[in-house]
Structures are given as C-alpha cells and as structure tokens.
Amino acid sequence: QGNMAFAGKYEFEGDEHYDDFVKKIGLSSDKIEMGRNCKIITEVVQNGNDFTWTQHFPGGHTTTNKFTIGKEADMETMGGKKFKATVQMEDGKIVADFPNYHHTVEICGGKLVEISTTSGVVYKRTSKRIA
C-alpha cells in the first residue's frame, strides 16, 4: 500500500542543517552557495517499483536518477559524483546509501521529506507538492 504515493512534482520549501551537512560530505564552497535555499523542483515518475527521480535546479541544471526498488542502479550525488546503489523501500520510505551519507525519502502530510544523515549530522529537506 502507499506504493504510488511518490509520483508528482515538488518545490523546495525549507531545510535544516544544510551547512553542517554539505561541509561534512565535502561539497565545494561554490556548490554550497549554489545549493543554499535553492528552489529545487523535484519530479518523481513512478511505475510500480521503477522510479525516475529528476531534480531541476535554477539555471537549467538537471540531475536524473533512474532506479528500481531492490535492484542496483547507477546514481549521481548532489555533487555530481557517480556511484552504484541499491534502493530499498522500508515502511513506505525510499532508502538508499549514498557514498558518504544515508538517504531516506517519505511523503509526510502531502510533502516530500528527504533526510540525509552523515557522521551525526541530519539534513532534512522538505518540498511541497505543486503538481
């Protein structure tokens, strides 16, 4: 149940602990500035266990990750690094281990809530549904 809950388009609304997190994962200062309070639009297309997860950044930069729950996929981090990950679904949350952080995504009260954790820093990003 709740399998199609993720499909939609979401706009960045707010985040917590951004600076601590991006410094910990080693983003360069120009990338950190670029990402701060960045009105990212996240677009999720879901077909059963297959996802296409696209993030549109202001200025035209786009990152797309395609993955299937339970199968290894080629992914790209916030900073543009390529890596392989197996995305899981646990209690209605999408869960993945990125190279230097653990990432979960859930729908909470109609909002897309992403939580990334690394060495004790919990970065939370909330986006509101716009489509």
C-alpha atoms as a PDB file:
ATOM      1  CA  GLN A   1       0.000   0.000   0.000  1.00  0.00           C
ATOM      2  CA  GLY A   2       1.014   3.625  -0.498  1.00  0.00           C
ATOM      3  CA  ASN A   3       3.034   2.496  -3.498  1.00  0.00           C
ATOM      4  CA  MET A   4       2.125   5.324  -5.850  1.00  0.00           C
ATOM      5  CA  ALA A   5       2.455   7.964  -3.163  1.00  0.00           C
ATOM      6  CA  PHE A   6       5.687   9.436  -4.523  1.00  0.00           C
ATOM      7  CA  ALA A   7       4.674  10.379  -8.069  1.00  0.00           C
ATOM      8  CA  GLY A   8       4.342  14.139  -8.555  1.00  0.00           C
ATOM      9  CA  LYS A   9       6.185  17.425  -8.736  1.00  0.00           C
ATOM     10  CA  TYR A  10       7.506  19.153  -5.631  1.00  0.00           C
ATOM     11  CA  GLU A  11       9.064  22.533  -4.924  1.00  0.00           C
ATOM     12  CA  PHE A  12      11.705  23.135  -2.256  1.00  0.00           C
ATOM     13  CA  GLU A  13      10.154  24.663   0.834  1.00  0.00           C
ATOM     14  CA  GLY A  14      12.828  24.571   3.506  1.00  0.00           C
ATOM     15  CA  ASP A  15      15.696  22.669   5.057  1.00  0.00           C
ATOM     16  CA  GLU A  16      17.556  22.139   8.322  1.00  0.00           C
ATOM     17  CA  HIS A  17      21.302  21.708   8.999  1.00  0.00           C
ATOM     18  CA  TYR A  18      22.260  22.316   5.361  1.00  0.00           C
ATOM     19  CA  ASP A  19      25.656  23.939   6.011  1.00  0.00           C
ATOM     20  CA  ASP A  20      26.851  21.360   8.536  1.00  0.00           C
ATOM     21  CA  PHE A  21      25.816  18.548   6.215  1.00  0.00           C
ATOM     22  CA  VAL A  22      27.345  19.780   2.954  1.00  0.00           C
ATOM     23  CA  LYS A  23      30.630  20.626   4.705  1.00  0.00           C
ATOM     24  CA  LYS A  24      30.739  17.102   6.176  1.00  0.00           C
ATOM     25  CA  ILE A  25      30.241  15.484   2.766  1.00  0.00           C
ATOM     26  CA  GLY A  26      32.898  17.743   1.266  1.00  0.00           C
ATOM     27  CA  LEU A  27      30.957  19.894  -1.210  1.00  0.00           C
ATOM     28  CA  SER A  28      32.983  22.810  -2.555  1.00  0.00           C
ATOM     29  CA  SER A  29      32.041  26.277  -1.310  1.00  0.00           C
ATOM     30  CA  ASP A  30      30.666  27.371  -4.689  1.00  0.00           C
ATOM     31  CA  LYS A  31      28.390  24.305  -4.769  1.00  0.00           C
ATOM     32  CA  ILE A  32      27.381  25.026  -1.172  1.00  0.00           C
ATOM     33  CA  GLU A  33      26.382  28.597  -2.085  1.00  0.00           C
ATOM     34  CA  MET A  34      24.540  27.397  -5.160  1.00  0.00           C
ATOM     35  CA  GLY A  35      22.532  24.888  -3.171  1.00  0.00           C
ATOM     36  CA  ARG A  36      21.600  27.116  -0.254  1.00  0.00           C
ATOM     37  CA  ASN A  37      17.831  27.757  -0.181  1.00  0.00           C
ATOM     38  CA  CYS A  38      17.857  26.596  -3.756  1.00  0.00           C
ATOM     39  CA  LYS A  39      14.355  26.347  -5.232  1.00  0.00           C
ATOM     40  CA  ILE A  40      14.882  22.824  -6.489  1.00  0.00           C
ATOM     41  CA  ILE A  41      11.928  21.259  -8.271  1.00  0.00           C
ATOM     42  CA  THR A  42      11.809  17.501  -7.734  1.00  0.00           C
ATOM     43  CA  GLU A  43       9.844  15.478 -10.234  1.00  0.00           C
ATOM     44  CA  VAL A  44       9.044  11.850  -9.491  1.00  0.00           C
ATOM     45  CA  VAL A  45       7.672   9.417 -12.054  1.00  0.00           C
ATOM     46  CA  GLN A  46       6.755   6.081 -10.553  1.00  0.00           C
ATOM     47  CA  ASN A  47       5.676   2.947 -12.340  1.00  0.00           C
ATOM     48  CA  GLY A  48       5.344   0.154  -9.781  1.00  0.00           C
ATOM     49  CA  ASN A  49       8.877  -0.304  -8.415  1.00  0.00           C
ATOM     50  CA  ASP A  50      10.522   1.716 -11.209  1.00  0.00           C
ATOM     51  CA  PHE A  51      11.326   5.332 -10.467  1.00  0.00           C
ATOM     52  CA  THR A  52      12.652   8.268 -12.448  1.00  0.00           C
ATOM     53  CA  TRP A  53      13.746  10.926  -9.976  1.00  0.00           C
ATOM     54  CA  THR A  54      14.620  14.282 -11.520  1.00  0.00           C
ATOM     55  CA  GLN A  55      15.819  17.409  -9.773  1.00  0.00           C
ATOM     56  CA  HIS A  56      15.625  20.685 -11.685  1.00  0.00           C
ATOM     57  CA  PHE A  57      17.958  23.354 -10.324  1.00  0.00           C
ATOM     58  CA  PRO A  58      17.588  27.070 -11.056  1.00  0.00           C
ATOM     59  CA  GLY A  59      19.713  27.995 -14.054  1.00  0.00           C
ATOM     60  CA  GLY A  60      18.815  24.892 -16.007  1.00  0.00           C
ATOM     61  CA  HIS A  61      20.948  22.187 -14.350  1.00  0.00           C
ATOM     62  CA  THR A  62      19.119  18.861 -14.013  1.00  0.00           C
ATOM     63  CA  THR A  63      20.042  15.614 -12.264  1.00  0.00           C
ATOM     64  CA  THR A  64      18.114  12.433 -13.034  1.00  0.00           C
ATOM     65  CA  ASN A  65      18.389   9.117 -11.216  1.00  0.00           C
ATOM     66  CA  LYS A  66      16.516   6.083 -12.523  1.00  0.00           C
ATOM     67  CA  PHE A  67      16.199   3.110 -10.214  1.00  0.00           C
ATOM     68  CA  THR A  68      14.138   0.044  -9.417  1.00  0.00           C
ATOM     69  CA  ILE A  69      13.422  -0.862  -5.799  1.00  0.00           C
ATOM     70  CA  GLY A  70      15.664  -3.743  -4.737  1.00  0.00           C
ATOM     71  CA  LYS A  71      17.998  -3.582  -7.758  1.00  0.00           C
ATOM     72  CA  GLU A  72      21.410  -1.987  -8.055  1.00  0.00           C
ATOM     73  CA  ALA A  73      21.337   1.207 -10.123  1.00  0.00           C
ATOM     74  CA  ASP A  74      23.765   3.842 -11.365  1.00  0.00           C
ATOM     75  CA  MET A  75      23.133   7.025  -9.425  1.00  0.00           C
ATOM     76  CA  GLU A  76      24.520  10.537  -9.092  1.00  0.00           C
ATOM     77  CA  THR A  77      25.023  12.537  -5.882  1.00  0.00           C
ATOM     78  CA  MET A  78      24.185  16.188  -5.134  1.00  0.00           C
ATOM     79  CA  GLY A  79      27.775  16.999  -6.004  1.00  0.00           C
ATOM     80  CA  GLY A  80      27.651  15.119  -9.316  1.00  0.00           C
ATOM     81  CA  LYS A  81      29.579  12.010  -8.285  1.00  0.00           C
ATOM     82  CA  LYS A  82      28.513   8.751  -9.962  1.00  0.00           C
ATOM     83  CA  PHE A  83      28.034   5.654  -7.824  1.00  0.00           C
ATOM     84  CA  LYS A  84      26.054   2.429  -7.582  1.00  0.00           C
ATOM     85  CA  ALA A  85      23.326   1.906  -5.007  1.00  0.00           C
ATOM     86  CA  THR A  86      20.505  -0.469  -4.301  1.00  0.00           C
ATOM     87  CA  VAL A  87      17.414   1.489  -3.351  1.00  0.00           C
ATOM     88  CA  GLN A  88      15.050  -0.182  -0.879  1.00  0.00           C
ATOM     89  CA  MET A  89      11.516   0.500   0.289  1.00  0.00           C
ATOM     90  CA  GLU A  90      11.143   0.289   4.073  1.00  0.00           C
ATOM     91  CA  ASP A  91       7.893   1.194   5.847  1.00  0.00           C
ATOM     92  CA  GLY A  92       6.794   3.303   2.882  1.00  0.00           C
ATOM     93  CA  LYS A  93      10.111   5.175   2.782  1.00  0.00           C
ATOM     94  CA  ILE A  94      12.623   5.071  -0.037  1.00  0.00           C
ATOM     95  CA  VAL A  95      16.023   4.264   1.466  1.00  0.00           C
ATOM     96  CA  ALA A  96      19.452   4.423  -0.169  1.00  0.00           C
ATOM     97  CA  ASP A  97      23.073   4.554   0.890  1.00  0.00           C
ATOM     98  CA  PHE A  98      24.993   7.237  -0.972  1.00  0.00           C
ATOM     99  CA  PRO A  99      28.829   7.136  -0.905  1.00  0.00           C
ATOM    100  CA  ASN A 100      29.069   9.329   2.186  1.00  0.00           C
ATOM    101  CA  TYR A 101      25.562   9.580   3.571  1.00  0.00           C
ATOM    102  CA  HIS A 102      22.393   7.592   4.238  1.00  0.00           C
ATOM    103  CA  HIS A 103      19.309   8.958   2.484  1.00  0.00           C
ATOM    104  CA  THR A 104      15.602   8.408   3.105  1.00  0.00           C
ATOM    105  CA  VAL A 105      12.576   9.919   1.382  1.00  0.00           C
ATOM    106  CA  GLU A 106       8.993   9.796   2.514  1.00  0.00           C
ATOM    107  CA  ILE A 107       5.706  11.546   1.892  1.00  0.00           C
ATOM    108  CA  CYS A 108       4.536  13.228   5.053  1.00  0.00           C
ATOM    109  CA  GLY A 109       1.316  15.236   5.080  1.00  0.00           C
ATOM    110  CA  GLY A 110       1.478  15.638   1.309  1.00  0.00           C
ATOM    111  CA  LYS A 111       5.061  16.917   1.429  1.00  0.00           C
ATOM    112  CA  LEU A 112       8.197  15.234   0.140  1.00  0.00           C
ATOM    113  CA  VAL A 113      10.558  14.874   3.100  1.00  0.00           C
ATOM    114  CA  GLU A 114      14.166  13.911   2.396  1.00  0.00           C
ATOM    115  CA  ILE A 115      16.551  13.092   5.228  1.00  0.00           C
ATOM    116  CA  SER A 116      20.277  12.614   4.713  1.00  0.00           C
ATOM    117  CA  THR A 117      22.479  11.503   7.600  1.00  0.00           C
ATOM    118  CA  THR A 118      26.260  11.561   7.830  1.00  0.00           C
ATOM    119  CA  SER A 119      28.545  11.330  10.894  1.00  0.00           C
ATOM    120  CA  GLY A 120      25.915  12.615  13.277  1.00  0.00           C
ATOM    121  CA  VAL A 121      24.537  15.417  11.077  1.00  0.00           C
ATOM    122  CA  VAL A 122      20.928  15.065   9.964  1.00  0.00           C
ATOM    123  CA  TYR A 123      19.988  17.199   6.974  1.00  0.00           C
ATOM    124  CA  LYS A 124      16.282  17.491   6.330  1.00  0.00           C
ATOM    125  CA  ARG A 125      14.799  18.950   3.153  1.00  0.00           C
ATOM    126  CA  THR A 126      11.076  19.498   2.716  1.00  0.00           C
ATOM    127  CA  SER A 127       9.323  20.142  -0.587  1.00  0.00           C
ATOM    128  CA  LYS A 128       5.671  20.953  -1.160  1.00  0.00           C
ATOM    129  CA  ARG A 129       3.612  19.266  -3.860  1.00  0.00           C
ATOM    130  CA  ILE A 130       2.919  21.571  -6.812  1.00  0.00           C
ATOM    131  CA  ALA A 131       1.565  19.016  -9.333  1.00  0.00           C
END
